[in-house]
Amino acid sequence: MLGNGVVGILSESTNKWERRVPLTPSHCARLLHNGRGKSGVARIIVQPSTKRIHHDALYEDVGCEISDDLSECGLILGIKQPKLEMILPGRAYAFFSHTHKAQKENMPLLDKILAERASLFDYELIVGDHGKRLLAFGKFAGLAGMIDFLHGLGQRYLNLGYSTPFLSLGASYMYSSLAAAKAAVISVGEEIATVGLPSGICPLVFVFTGSGNVSHGAQEIFNLLPHTSVDPSRLPELFGMARDLTQSARASKRYFQVYGCNVTCQDMVEHNDPAKVFDKADYYAHPEHYKPIFHEKIAPYASVIGQ
């Protein structure tokens, strides 16, 4: 069935907020208009969806068919894992299955695929000639993730009894564009700078542990807030200053900024031999020579820990 030239696009069913698509209307247009001789695609059937970022009509406009029935499709594409009843016998599927690490909640999905003798192309396992993943989290994952985290932070602090400017921020899927989401974060930042944050949750420290695409995206959103960068070695000093305030000062003081701290692997582990300094190459080659210190030197001072 894989080579029959008919491609299907699933209607996402795992997450209520899932608006992403494996192929945009412009992608479909290129595949269809190049002709089957070049792309191998003769037809594209799209399951209808009222929450997808691209409306069904946009797919129809470029020549796709809208139908719940994907039984004619040899290859069926999605973003997240579909419901079990969506797995048809002998078809090929491509999506993030979350099964290769034996994630317990998705084992029934893998069992269903095996039982139906279907093929699974897991995006997470597609690699290039040098073994590097071709499909992975990118900058936008960090952008969206940080927006969602700030949104959730507002909810958490409210449950703890603190009203914060984060309460006005929506989840990332609620915004029509990245620019609109950034404008909302900037508005939160302006409120922090003028009204402040309650001292009971401060100093509010965001710790970033990664240096890849996701971390860069997350920090791009964080940098829209009024902030000061703190070296990992100065975290105890930052909290010491807060403790040194008198009780009356702590009750009235408000913080008009947040703090950011970037940590690397040398802030997370140290050599078992106190006489030896951290060596990244040696750590990667012989992790057994090192012991963790993150839980003692970084985590106690972190309000938020991200990649």
C-alpha atoms as a PDB file:
ATOM      1  CA  MET A   1       0.000   0.000   0.000  1.00  0.00           C
ATOM      2  CA  LEU A   2       2.905   2.385   0.683  1.00  0.00           C
ATOM      3  CA  GLY A   3       3.637   2.921  -2.982  1.00  0.00           C
ATOM      4  CA  ASN A   4       0.080   3.465  -4.219  1.00  0.00           C
ATOM      5  CA  GLY A   5       0.514   7.240  -4.512  1.00  0.00           C
ATOM      6  CA  VAL A   6      -2.283   8.153  -2.107  1.00  0.00           C
ATOM      7  CA  VAL A   7      -1.283  10.048   1.043  1.00  0.00           C
ATOM      8  CA  GLY A   8      -3.525  10.661   4.044  1.00  0.00           C
ATOM      9  CA  ILE A   9      -3.374  13.351   6.726  1.00  0.00           C
ATOM     10  CA  LEU A  10      -4.782  12.448  10.122  1.00  0.00           C
ATOM     11  CA  SER A  11      -7.038  14.628  12.217  1.00  0.00           C
ATOM     12  CA  GLU A  12      -5.078  15.070  15.466  1.00  0.00           C
ATOM     13  CA  SER A  13      -6.832  13.478  18.433  1.00  0.00           C
ATOM     14  CA  THR A  14      -4.276  13.211  21.253  1.00  0.00           C
ATOM     15  CA  ASN A  15      -4.181  16.784  22.564  1.00  0.00           C
ATOM     16  CA  LYS A  16      -7.110  19.196  22.582  1.00  0.00           C
ATOM     17  CA  TRP A  17      -4.743  22.077  21.762  1.00  0.00           C
ATOM     18  CA  GLU A  18      -2.994  20.343  18.847  1.00  0.00           C
ATOM     19  CA  ARG A  19      -3.335  22.596  15.781  1.00  0.00           C
ATOM     20  CA  ARG A  20      -0.159  21.548  13.953  1.00  0.00           C
ATOM     21  CA  VAL A  21      -0.142  19.627  10.672  1.00  0.00           C
ATOM     22  CA  PRO A  22       2.379  17.272   9.045  1.00  0.00           C
ATOM     23  CA  LEU A  23       1.797  18.900   5.635  1.00  0.00           C
ATOM     24  CA  THR A  24       0.588  22.462   5.039  1.00  0.00           C
ATOM     25  CA  PRO A  25      -1.615  23.316   2.047  1.00  0.00           C
ATOM     26  CA  SER A  26       1.456  24.738   0.261  1.00  0.00           C
ATOM     27  CA  HIS A  27       3.320  21.453   0.818  1.00  0.00           C
ATOM     28  CA  CYS A  28       0.378  19.549  -0.610  1.00  0.00           C
ATOM     29  CA  ALA A  29       0.230  21.844  -3.627  1.00  0.00           C
ATOM     30  CA  ARG A  30       3.886  21.184  -4.431  1.00  0.00           C
ATOM     31  CA  LEU A  31       3.465  17.429  -4.095  1.00  0.00           C
ATOM     32  CA  LEU A  32       0.344  17.308  -6.241  1.00  0.00           C
ATOM     33  CA  HIS A  33       1.359  19.821  -8.892  1.00  0.00           C
ATOM     34  CA  ASN A  34       4.769  18.233  -9.441  1.00  0.00           C
ATOM     35  CA  GLY A  35       2.909  15.204 -10.678  1.00  0.00           C
ATOM     36  CA  ARG A  36       3.208  11.621  -9.592  1.00  0.00           C
ATOM     37  CA  GLY A  37       6.203  11.105 -11.831  1.00  0.00           C
ATOM     38  CA  LYS A  38       8.308  13.450  -9.686  1.00  0.00           C
ATOM     39  CA  SER A  39       6.784  13.310  -6.182  1.00  0.00           C
ATOM     40  CA  GLY A  40       5.151   9.888  -6.271  1.00  0.00           C
ATOM     41  CA  VAL A  41       1.946  11.478  -4.938  1.00  0.00           C
ATOM     42  CA  ALA A  42      -1.237  11.264  -7.001  1.00  0.00           C
ATOM     43  CA  ARG A  43      -3.830  12.123  -4.349  1.00  0.00           C
ATOM     44  CA  ILE A  44      -3.901  13.558  -0.835  1.00  0.00           C
ATOM     45  CA  ILE A  45      -6.853  12.823   1.424  1.00  0.00           C
ATOM     46  CA  VAL A  46      -7.232  15.022   4.513  1.00  0.00           C
ATOM     47  CA  GLN A  47      -9.388  14.072   7.466  1.00  0.00           C
ATOM     48  CA  PRO A  48     -11.614  17.054   8.339  1.00  0.00           C
ATOM     49  CA  SER A  49     -10.710  19.091  11.413  1.00  0.00           C
ATOM     50  CA  THR A  50     -12.201  22.229  12.913  1.00  0.00           C
ATOM     51  CA  LYS A  51      -9.175  23.005  15.115  1.00  0.00           C
ATOM     52  CA  ARG A  52      -6.328  22.575  12.617  1.00  0.00           C
ATOM     53  CA  ILE A  53      -4.392  25.805  11.982  1.00  0.00           C
ATOM     54  CA  HIS A  54      -5.132  25.488   8.249  1.00  0.00           C
ATOM     55  CA  HIS A  55      -8.840  25.245   7.422  1.00  0.00           C
ATOM     56  CA  ASP A  56     -10.126  22.333   5.344  1.00  0.00           C
ATOM     57  CA  ALA A  57     -11.031  24.707   2.516  1.00  0.00           C
ATOM     58  CA  LEU A  58      -7.367  25.665   2.075  1.00  0.00           C
ATOM     59  CA  TYR A  59      -6.514  22.029   1.415  1.00  0.00           C
ATOM     60  CA  GLU A  60      -9.402  21.699  -1.018  1.00  0.00           C
ATOM     61  CA  ASP A  61      -8.207  24.795  -2.865  1.00  0.00           C
ATOM     62  CA  VAL A  62      -4.899  23.084  -3.744  1.00  0.00           C
ATOM     63  CA  GLY A  63      -6.503  19.840  -4.884  1.00  0.00           C
ATOM     64  CA  CYS A  64      -6.739  17.732  -1.706  1.00  0.00           C
ATOM     65  CA  GLU A  65      -9.790  15.650  -0.882  1.00  0.00           C
ATOM     66  CA  ILE A  66     -11.545  16.004   2.489  1.00  0.00           C
ATOM     67  CA  SER A  67     -12.755  12.727   3.954  1.00  0.00           C
ATOM     68  CA  ASP A  68     -12.801  10.795   7.215  1.00  0.00           C
ATOM     69  CA  ASP A  69     -12.066   7.624   5.243  1.00  0.00           C
ATOM     70  CA  LEU A  70      -8.322   7.073   4.743  1.00  0.00           C
ATOM     71  CA  SER A  71      -8.656   3.448   3.678  1.00  0.00           C
ATOM     72  CA  GLU A  72      -7.349   4.218   0.172  1.00  0.00           C
ATOM     73  CA  CYS A  73      -4.125   5.729   1.528  1.00  0.00           C
ATOM     74  CA  GLY A  74      -0.885   3.808   1.458  1.00  0.00           C
ATOM     75  CA  LEU A  75       0.963   6.382   3.611  1.00  0.00           C
ATOM     76  CA  ILE A  76      -0.787   8.196   6.459  1.00  0.00           C
ATOM     77  CA  LEU A  77       0.851  11.168   8.190  1.00  0.00           C
ATOM     78  CA  GLY A  78       0.222  12.765  11.573  1.00  0.00           C
ATOM     79  CA  ILE A  79       1.942  14.743  14.296  1.00  0.00           C
ATOM     80  CA  LYS A  80       1.125  12.836  17.492  1.00  0.00           C
ATOM     81  CA  GLN A  81       0.008   9.248  17.982  1.00  0.00           C
ATOM     82  CA  PRO A  82      -3.523   8.537  16.681  1.00  0.00           C
ATOM     83  CA  LYS A  83      -6.308   6.601  18.356  1.00  0.00           C
ATOM     84  CA  LEU A  84      -6.027   2.826  18.036  1.00  0.00           C
ATOM     85  CA  GLU A  85      -9.043   2.601  15.735  1.00  0.00           C
ATOM     86  CA  MET A  86      -7.237   4.822  13.227  1.00  0.00           C
ATOM     87  CA  ILE A  87      -4.612   2.128  12.556  1.00  0.00           C
ATOM     88  CA  LEU A  88      -5.593   0.298   9.359  1.00  0.00           C
ATOM     89  CA  PRO A  89      -4.161  -3.038   8.201  1.00  0.00           C
ATOM     90  CA  GLY A  90      -1.112  -2.987   5.931  1.00  0.00           C
ATOM     91  CA  ARG A  91      -0.716   0.803   5.848  1.00  0.00           C
ATOM     92  CA  ALA A  92       2.403   2.862   6.527  1.00  0.00           C
ATOM     93  CA  TYR A  93       2.235   5.551   9.203  1.00  0.00           C
ATOM     94  CA  ALA A  94       4.529   8.434  10.120  1.00  0.00           C
ATOM     95  CA  PHE A  95       4.165  10.334  13.401  1.00  0.00           C
ATOM     96  CA  PHE A  96       5.787  10.809  16.809  1.00  0.00           C
ATOM     97  CA  SER A  97       4.763   7.514  18.407  1.00  0.00           C
ATOM     98  CA  HIS A  98       6.620   7.763  21.737  1.00  0.00           C
ATOM     99  CA  THR A  99       7.129   4.006  21.773  1.00  0.00           C
ATOM    100  CA  HIS A 100      10.827   3.322  21.168  1.00  0.00           C
ATOM    101  CA  LYS A 101      11.689   3.825  24.839  1.00  0.00           C
ATOM    102  CA  ALA A 102       8.868   1.448  25.771  1.00  0.00           C
ATOM    103  CA  GLN A 103       6.711   4.280  27.106  1.00  0.00           C
ATOM    104  CA  LYS A 104       4.060   2.316  28.956  1.00  0.00           C
ATOM    105  CA  GLU A 105       1.083   4.453  27.947  1.00  0.00           C
ATOM    106  CA  ASN A 106       1.766   3.874  24.237  1.00  0.00           C
ATOM    107  CA  MET A 107       2.482   0.152  24.203  1.00  0.00           C
ATOM    108  CA  PRO A 108      -1.116  -0.650  23.122  1.00  0.00           C
ATOM    109  CA  LEU A 109      -0.479   1.519  20.050  1.00  0.00           C
ATOM    110  CA  LEU A 110       2.636  -0.454  19.151  1.00  0.00           C
ATOM    111  CA  ASP A 111       0.772  -3.711  19.740  1.00  0.00           C
ATOM    112  CA  LYS A 112      -1.986  -2.519  17.402  1.00  0.00           C
ATOM    113  CA  ILE A 113       0.517  -1.595  14.672  1.00  0.00           C
ATOM    114  CA  LEU A 114       2.159  -5.012  14.920  1.00  0.00           C
ATOM    115  CA  ALA A 115      -1.188  -6.814  14.956  1.00  0.00           C
ATOM    116  CA  GLU A 116      -2.344  -4.997  11.822  1.00  0.00           C
ATOM    117  CA  ARG A 117       1.028  -5.620  10.120  1.00  0.00           C
ATOM    118  CA  ALA A 118       1.327  -1.886   9.523  1.00  0.00           C
ATOM    119  CA  SER A 119       4.624  -0.009   9.090  1.00  0.00           C
ATOM    120  CA  LEU A 120       5.664   2.800  11.422  1.00  0.00           C
ATOM    121  CA  PHE A 121       8.075   5.591  10.508  1.00  0.00           C
ATOM    122  CA  ASP A 122       8.722   7.358  13.815  1.00  0.00           C
ATOM    123  CA  TYR A 123       9.936  10.918  13.220  1.00  0.00           C
ATOM    124  CA  GLU A 124      12.099  10.685  16.323  1.00  0.00           C
ATOM    125  CA  LEU A 125      14.141   7.853  14.812  1.00  0.00           C
ATOM    126  CA  ILE A 126      14.726   9.209  11.306  1.00  0.00           C
ATOM    127  CA  VAL A 127      18.439  10.017  10.995  1.00  0.00           C
ATOM    128  CA  GLY A 128      20.796  11.195   8.259  1.00  0.00           C
ATOM    129  CA  ASP A 129      24.004   9.709   6.933  1.00  0.00           C
ATOM    130  CA  HIS A 130      25.949  10.659  10.065  1.00  0.00           C
ATOM    131  CA  GLY A 131      23.387   9.319  12.509  1.00  0.00           C
ATOM    132  CA  LYS A 132      22.045  12.760  13.441  1.00  0.00           C
ATOM    133  CA  ARG A 133      18.300  13.185  13.796  1.00  0.00           C
ATOM    134  CA  LEU A 134      16.638  14.912  10.847  1.00  0.00           C
ATOM    135  CA  LEU A 135      13.467  15.773  12.763  1.00  0.00           C
ATOM    136  CA  ALA A 136      13.907  17.161  16.261  1.00  0.00           C
ATOM    137  CA  PHE A 137      12.734  19.863  18.577  1.00  0.00           C
ATOM    138  CA  GLY A 138      13.754  23.263  17.273  1.00  0.00           C
ATOM    139  CA  LYS A 139      13.653  26.858  18.364  1.00  0.00           C
ATOM    140  CA  PHE A 140       9.883  27.061  18.100  1.00  0.00           C
ATOM    141  CA  ALA A 141       9.549  24.300  20.706  1.00  0.00           C
ATOM    142  CA  GLY A 142      11.442  26.556  23.121  1.00  0.00           C
ATOM    143  CA  LEU A 143       9.399  29.612  22.185  1.00  0.00           C
ATOM    144  CA  ALA A 144       6.080  27.827  22.673  1.00  0.00           C
ATOM    145  CA  GLY A 145       7.297  25.918  25.706  1.00  0.00           C
ATOM    146  CA  MET A 146       8.358  29.031  27.601  1.00  0.00           C
ATOM    147  CA  ILE A 147       5.096  30.826  26.809  1.00  0.00           C
ATOM    148  CA  ASP A 148       3.144  27.817  28.074  1.00  0.00           C
ATOM    149  CA  PHE A 149       5.359  27.605  31.142  1.00  0.00           C
ATOM    150  CA  LEU A 150       4.821  31.246  32.073  1.00  0.00           C
ATOM    151  CA  HIS A 151       1.086  30.712  31.597  1.00  0.00           C
ATOM    152  CA  GLY A 152       1.223  27.688  33.914  1.00  0.00           C
ATOM    153  CA  LEU A 153       3.394  29.563  36.391  1.00  0.00           C
ATOM    154  CA  GLY A 154       0.646  32.108  36.856  1.00  0.00           C
ATOM    155  CA  GLN A 155      -1.851  29.333  37.586  1.00  0.00           C
ATOM    156  CA  ARG A 156       0.487  27.621  40.037  1.00  0.00           C
ATOM    157  CA  TYR A 157       1.225  30.764  42.013  1.00  0.00           C
ATOM    158  CA  LEU A 158      -2.474  31.570  42.170  1.00  0.00           C
ATOM    159  CA  ASN A 159      -3.077  28.139  43.707  1.00  0.00           C
ATOM    160  CA  LEU A 160      -0.370  28.969  46.243  1.00  0.00           C
ATOM    161  CA  GLY A 161      -2.112  32.226  47.103  1.00  0.00           C
ATOM    162  CA  TYR A 162      -0.139  34.708  44.985  1.00  0.00           C
ATOM    163  CA  SER A 163      -1.542  36.923  42.265  1.00  0.00           C
ATOM    164  CA  THR A 164       1.104  37.654  39.602  1.00  0.00           C
ATOM    165  CA  PRO A 165       1.248  39.367  36.206  1.00  0.00           C
ATOM    166  CA  PHE A 166       1.655  35.916  34.636  1.00  0.00           C
ATOM    167  CA  LEU A 167      -2.075  35.342  35.108  1.00  0.00           C
ATOM    168  CA  SER A 168      -2.863  37.534  32.098  1.00  0.00           C
ATOM    169  CA  LEU A 169      -0.762  35.372  29.749  1.00  0.00           C
ATOM    170  CA  GLY A 170      -2.504  32.755  27.643  1.00  0.00           C
ATOM    171  CA  ALA A 171      -1.189  29.410  26.420  1.00  0.00           C
ATOM    172  CA  SER A 172       0.799  29.551  23.194  1.00  0.00           C
ATOM    173  CA  TYR A 173      -1.945  27.977  21.077  1.00  0.00           C
ATOM    174  CA  MET A 174      -4.270  30.854  21.960  1.00  0.00           C
ATOM    175  CA  TYR A 175      -2.273  33.377  19.924  1.00  0.00           C
ATOM    176  CA  SER A 176      -2.647  33.885  16.201  1.00  0.00           C
ATOM    177  CA  SER A 177       1.060  34.514  15.663  1.00  0.00           C
ATOM    178  CA  LEU A 178       4.427  34.535  17.409  1.00  0.00           C
ATOM    179  CA  ALA A 179       4.374  38.330  17.306  1.00  0.00           C
ATOM    180  CA  ALA A 180       1.058  38.389  19.186  1.00  0.00           C
ATOM    181  CA  ALA A 181       2.393  35.987  21.816  1.00  0.00           C
ATOM    182  CA  LYS A 182       5.563  38.034  22.263  1.00  0.00           C
ATOM    183  CA  ALA A 183       3.502  41.194  22.660  1.00  0.00           C
ATOM    184  CA  ALA A 184       1.582  39.504  25.482  1.00  0.00           C
ATOM    185  CA  VAL A 185       4.835  38.493  27.219  1.00  0.00           C
ATOM    186  CA  ILE A 186       6.145  42.057  26.868  1.00  0.00           C
ATOM    187  CA  SER A 187       2.948  43.307  28.501  1.00  0.00           C
ATOM    188  CA  VAL A 188       3.535  40.918  31.418  1.00  0.00           C
ATOM    189  CA  GLY A 189       7.084  42.230  31.668  1.00  0.00           C
ATOM    190  CA  GLU A 190       5.880  45.813  31.807  1.00  0.00           C
ATOM    191  CA  GLU A 191       3.542  44.923  34.665  1.00  0.00           C
ATOM    192  CA  ILE A 192       6.393  43.236  36.542  1.00  0.00           C
ATOM    193  CA  ALA A 193       8.544  46.350  36.051  1.00  0.00           C
ATOM    194  CA  THR A 194       5.862  48.706  37.345  1.00  0.00           C
ATOM    195  CA  VAL A 195       3.752  46.721  39.830  1.00  0.00           C
ATOM    196  CA  GLY A 196       6.314  44.117  40.826  1.00  0.00           C
ATOM    197  CA  LEU A 197       6.147  40.539  42.066  1.00  0.00           C
ATOM    198  CA  PRO A 198       5.223  39.527  45.635  1.00  0.00           C
ATOM    199  CA  SER A 199       8.282  38.973  47.817  1.00  0.00           C
ATOM    200  CA  GLY A 200       6.979  35.591  48.938  1.00  0.00           C
ATOM    201  CA  ILE A 201       7.901  34.018  45.600  1.00  0.00           C
ATOM    202  CA  CYS A 202      11.107  35.982  45.027  1.00  0.00           C
ATOM    203  CA  PRO A 203      13.801  36.121  43.963  1.00  0.00           C
ATOM    204  CA  LEU A 204      12.267  34.356  40.958  1.00  0.00           C
ATOM    205  CA  VAL A 205      15.135  32.486  39.286  1.00  0.00           C
ATOM    206  CA  PHE A 206      14.945  30.814  35.886  1.00  0.00           C
ATOM    207  CA  VAL A 207      17.703  28.229  35.387  1.00  0.00           C
ATOM    208  CA  PHE A 208      18.517  27.143  31.818  1.00  0.00           C
ATOM    209  CA  THR A 209      20.458  23.903  31.547  1.00  0.00           C
ATOM    210  CA  GLY A 210      20.798  23.549  27.776  1.00  0.00           C
ATOM    211  CA  SER A 211      22.434  25.356  24.879  1.00  0.00           C
ATOM    212  CA  GLY A 212      20.531  23.934  21.917  1.00  0.00           C
ATOM    213  CA  ASN A 213      17.665  25.196  19.773  1.00  0.00           C
ATOM    214  CA  VAL A 214      15.026  24.682  22.456  1.00  0.00           C
ATOM    215  CA  SER A 215      16.997  26.576  25.086  1.00  0.00           C
ATOM    216  CA  HIS A 216      17.654  29.446  22.678  1.00  0.00           C
ATOM    217  CA  GLY A 217      13.942  29.720  21.947  1.00  0.00           C
ATOM    218  CA  ALA A 218      13.012  29.627  25.630  1.00  0.00           C
ATOM    219  CA  GLN A 219      15.580  32.287  26.466  1.00  0.00           C
ATOM    220  CA  GLU A 220      14.321  34.495  23.638  1.00  0.00           C
ATOM    221  CA  ILE A 221      10.956  34.649  25.404  1.00  0.00           C
ATOM    222  CA  PHE A 222      12.534  35.003  28.851  1.00  0.00           C
ATOM    223  CA  ASN A 223      14.577  37.971  27.643  1.00  0.00           C
ATOM    224  CA  LEU A 224      11.347  39.880  26.976  1.00  0.00           C
ATOM    225  CA  LEU A 225      10.884  40.124  30.757  1.00  0.00           C
ATOM    226  CA  PRO A 226      12.812  42.615  32.921  1.00  0.00           C
ATOM    227  CA  HIS A 227      15.691  40.474  34.118  1.00  0.00           C
ATOM    228  CA  THR A 228      19.214  40.242  35.453  1.00  0.00           C
ATOM    229  CA  SER A 229      21.612  37.440  34.558  1.00  0.00           C
ATOM    230  CA  VAL A 230      23.257  35.688  37.499  1.00  0.00           C
ATOM    231  CA  ASP A 231      26.344  33.484  37.401  1.00  0.00           C
ATOM    232  CA  PRO A 232      25.710  30.051  38.990  1.00  0.00           C
ATOM    233  CA  SER A 233      28.357  30.750  41.622  1.00  0.00           C
ATOM    234  CA  ARG A 234      26.437  33.838  42.799  1.00  0.00           C
ATOM    235  CA  LEU A 235      23.079  32.163  43.414  1.00  0.00           C
ATOM    236  CA  PRO A 236      23.714  31.743  47.170  1.00  0.00           C
ATOM    237  CA  GLU A 237      24.669  35.411  47.333  1.00  0.00           C
ATOM    238  CA  LEU A 238      21.409  36.409  45.630  1.00  0.00           C
ATOM    239  CA  PHE A 239      19.367  34.512  48.189  1.00  0.00           C
ATOM    240  CA  GLY A 240      21.580  35.688  51.031  1.00  0.00           C
ATOM    241  CA  MET A 241      20.682  39.276  50.197  1.00  0.00           C
ATOM    242  CA  ALA A 242      16.993  38.375  50.377  1.00  0.00           C
ATOM    243  CA  ARG A 243      17.436  36.697  53.778  1.00  0.00           C
ATOM    244  CA  ASP A 244      19.319  39.696  55.163  1.00  0.00           C
ATOM    245  CA  LEU A 245      16.292  41.933  54.768  1.00  0.00           C
ATOM    246  CA  THR A 246      14.427  42.708  57.972  1.00  0.00           C
ATOM    247  CA  GLN A 247      11.052  41.062  58.430  1.00  0.00           C
ATOM    248  CA  SER A 248       9.232  44.357  57.839  1.00  0.00           C
ATOM    249  CA  ALA A 249      11.253  45.000  54.693  1.00  0.00           C
ATOM    250  CA  ARG A 250      10.475  41.521  53.373  1.00  0.00           C
ATOM    251  CA  ALA A 251       6.781  42.107  53.976  1.00  0.00           C
ATOM    252  CA  SER A 252       6.722  45.324  51.961  1.00  0.00           C
ATOM    253  CA  LYS A 253       9.436  44.724  49.369  1.00  0.00           C
ATOM    254  CA  ARG A 254       8.412  43.775  45.855  1.00  0.00           C
ATOM    255  CA  TYR A 255      10.672  42.558  43.111  1.00  0.00           C
ATOM    256  CA  PHE A 256      10.536  44.362  39.785  1.00  0.00           C
ATOM    257  CA  GLN A 257      12.521  41.841  37.780  1.00  0.00           C
ATOM    258  CA  VAL A 258      13.273  38.153  37.428  1.00  0.00           C
ATOM    259  CA  TYR A 259      16.662  36.444  37.308  1.00  0.00           C
ATOM    260  CA  GLY A 260      18.192  34.173  34.696  1.00  0.00           C
ATOM    261  CA  CYS A 261      20.997  31.683  35.194  1.00  0.00           C
ATOM    262  CA  ASN A 262      22.676  29.567  32.498  1.00  0.00           C
ATOM    263  CA  VAL A 263      24.351  26.409  33.746  1.00  0.00           C
ATOM    264  CA  THR A 264      26.549  23.908  31.918  1.00  0.00           C
ATOM    265  CA  CYS A 265      27.622  20.371  32.739  1.00  0.00           C
ATOM    266  CA  GLN A 266      30.490  21.667  34.873  1.00  0.00           C
ATOM    267  CA  ASP A 267      27.875  23.212  37.165  1.00  0.00           C
ATOM    268  CA  MET A 268      26.079  19.878  37.423  1.00  0.00           C
ATOM    269  CA  VAL A 269      28.893  17.463  38.270  1.00  0.00           C
ATOM    270  CA  GLU A 270      32.383  17.471  39.766  1.00  0.00           C
ATOM    271  CA  HIS A 271      35.243  14.979  39.713  1.00  0.00           C
ATOM    272  CA  ASN A 272      35.311  12.358  42.443  1.00  0.00           C
ATOM    273  CA  ASP A 273      38.900  13.429  43.102  1.00  0.00           C
ATOM    274  CA  PRO A 274      38.782  16.938  44.667  1.00  0.00           C
ATOM    275  CA  ALA A 275      42.255  17.630  43.309  1.00  0.00           C
ATOM    276  CA  LYS A 276      41.064  17.330  39.697  1.00  0.00           C
ATOM    277  CA  VAL A 277      39.159  20.014  37.805  1.00  0.00           C
ATOM    278  CA  PHE A 278      36.222  19.357  35.531  1.00  0.00           C
ATOM    279  CA  ASP A 279      37.135  18.208  32.030  1.00  0.00           C
ATOM    280  CA  LYS A 280      34.235  17.926  29.582  1.00  0.00           C
ATOM    281  CA  ALA A 281      35.907  15.378  27.297  1.00  0.00           C
ATOM    282  CA  ASP A 282      36.853  13.213  30.262  1.00  0.00           C
ATOM    283  CA  TYR A 283      33.338  13.521  31.689  1.00  0.00           C
ATOM    284  CA  TYR A 284      31.763  12.332  28.446  1.00  0.00           C
ATOM    285  CA  ALA A 285      34.228   9.457  28.198  1.00  0.00           C
ATOM    286  CA  HIS A 286      34.160   8.474  31.879  1.00  0.00           C
ATOM    287  CA  PRO A 287      31.004   9.716  33.605  1.00  0.00           C
ATOM    288  CA  GLU A 288      31.644   7.242  36.427  1.00  0.00           C
ATOM    289  CA  HIS A 289      34.544   9.464  37.528  1.00  0.00           C
ATOM    290  CA  TYR A 290      32.128  12.261  38.421  1.00  0.00           C
ATOM    291  CA  LYS A 291      29.416  12.861  41.007  1.00  0.00           C
ATOM    292  CA  PRO A 292      26.320  15.092  40.771  1.00  0.00           C
ATOM    293  CA  ILE A 293      26.281  18.490  42.448  1.00  0.00           C
ATOM    294  CA  PHE A 294      23.334  20.159  40.663  1.00  0.00           C
ATOM    295  CA  HIS A 295      20.923  19.132  43.415  1.00  0.00           C
ATOM    296  CA  GLU A 296      23.086  20.886  45.987  1.00  0.00           C
ATOM    297  CA  LYS A 297      24.462  23.952  44.208  1.00  0.00           C
ATOM    298  CA  ILE A 298      21.778  24.916  41.680  1.00  0.00           C
ATOM    299  CA  ALA A 299      18.376  23.293  42.293  1.00  0.00           C
ATOM    300  CA  PRO A 300      17.792  24.780  45.787  1.00  0.00           C
ATOM    301  CA  TYR A 301      17.926  28.280  44.295  1.00  0.00           C
ATOM    302  CA  ALA A 302      15.855  27.613  41.162  1.00  0.00           C
ATOM    303  CA  SER A 303      12.238  28.665  40.832  1.00  0.00           C
ATOM    304  CA  VAL A 304      12.101  27.352  37.257  1.00  0.00           C
ATOM    305  CA  ILE A 305      14.366  24.799  35.569  1.00  0.00           C
ATOM    306  CA  GLY A 306      14.317  24.496  31.779  1.00  0.00           C
ATOM    307  CA  GLN A 307      16.445  23.146  28.990  1.00  0.00           C
END
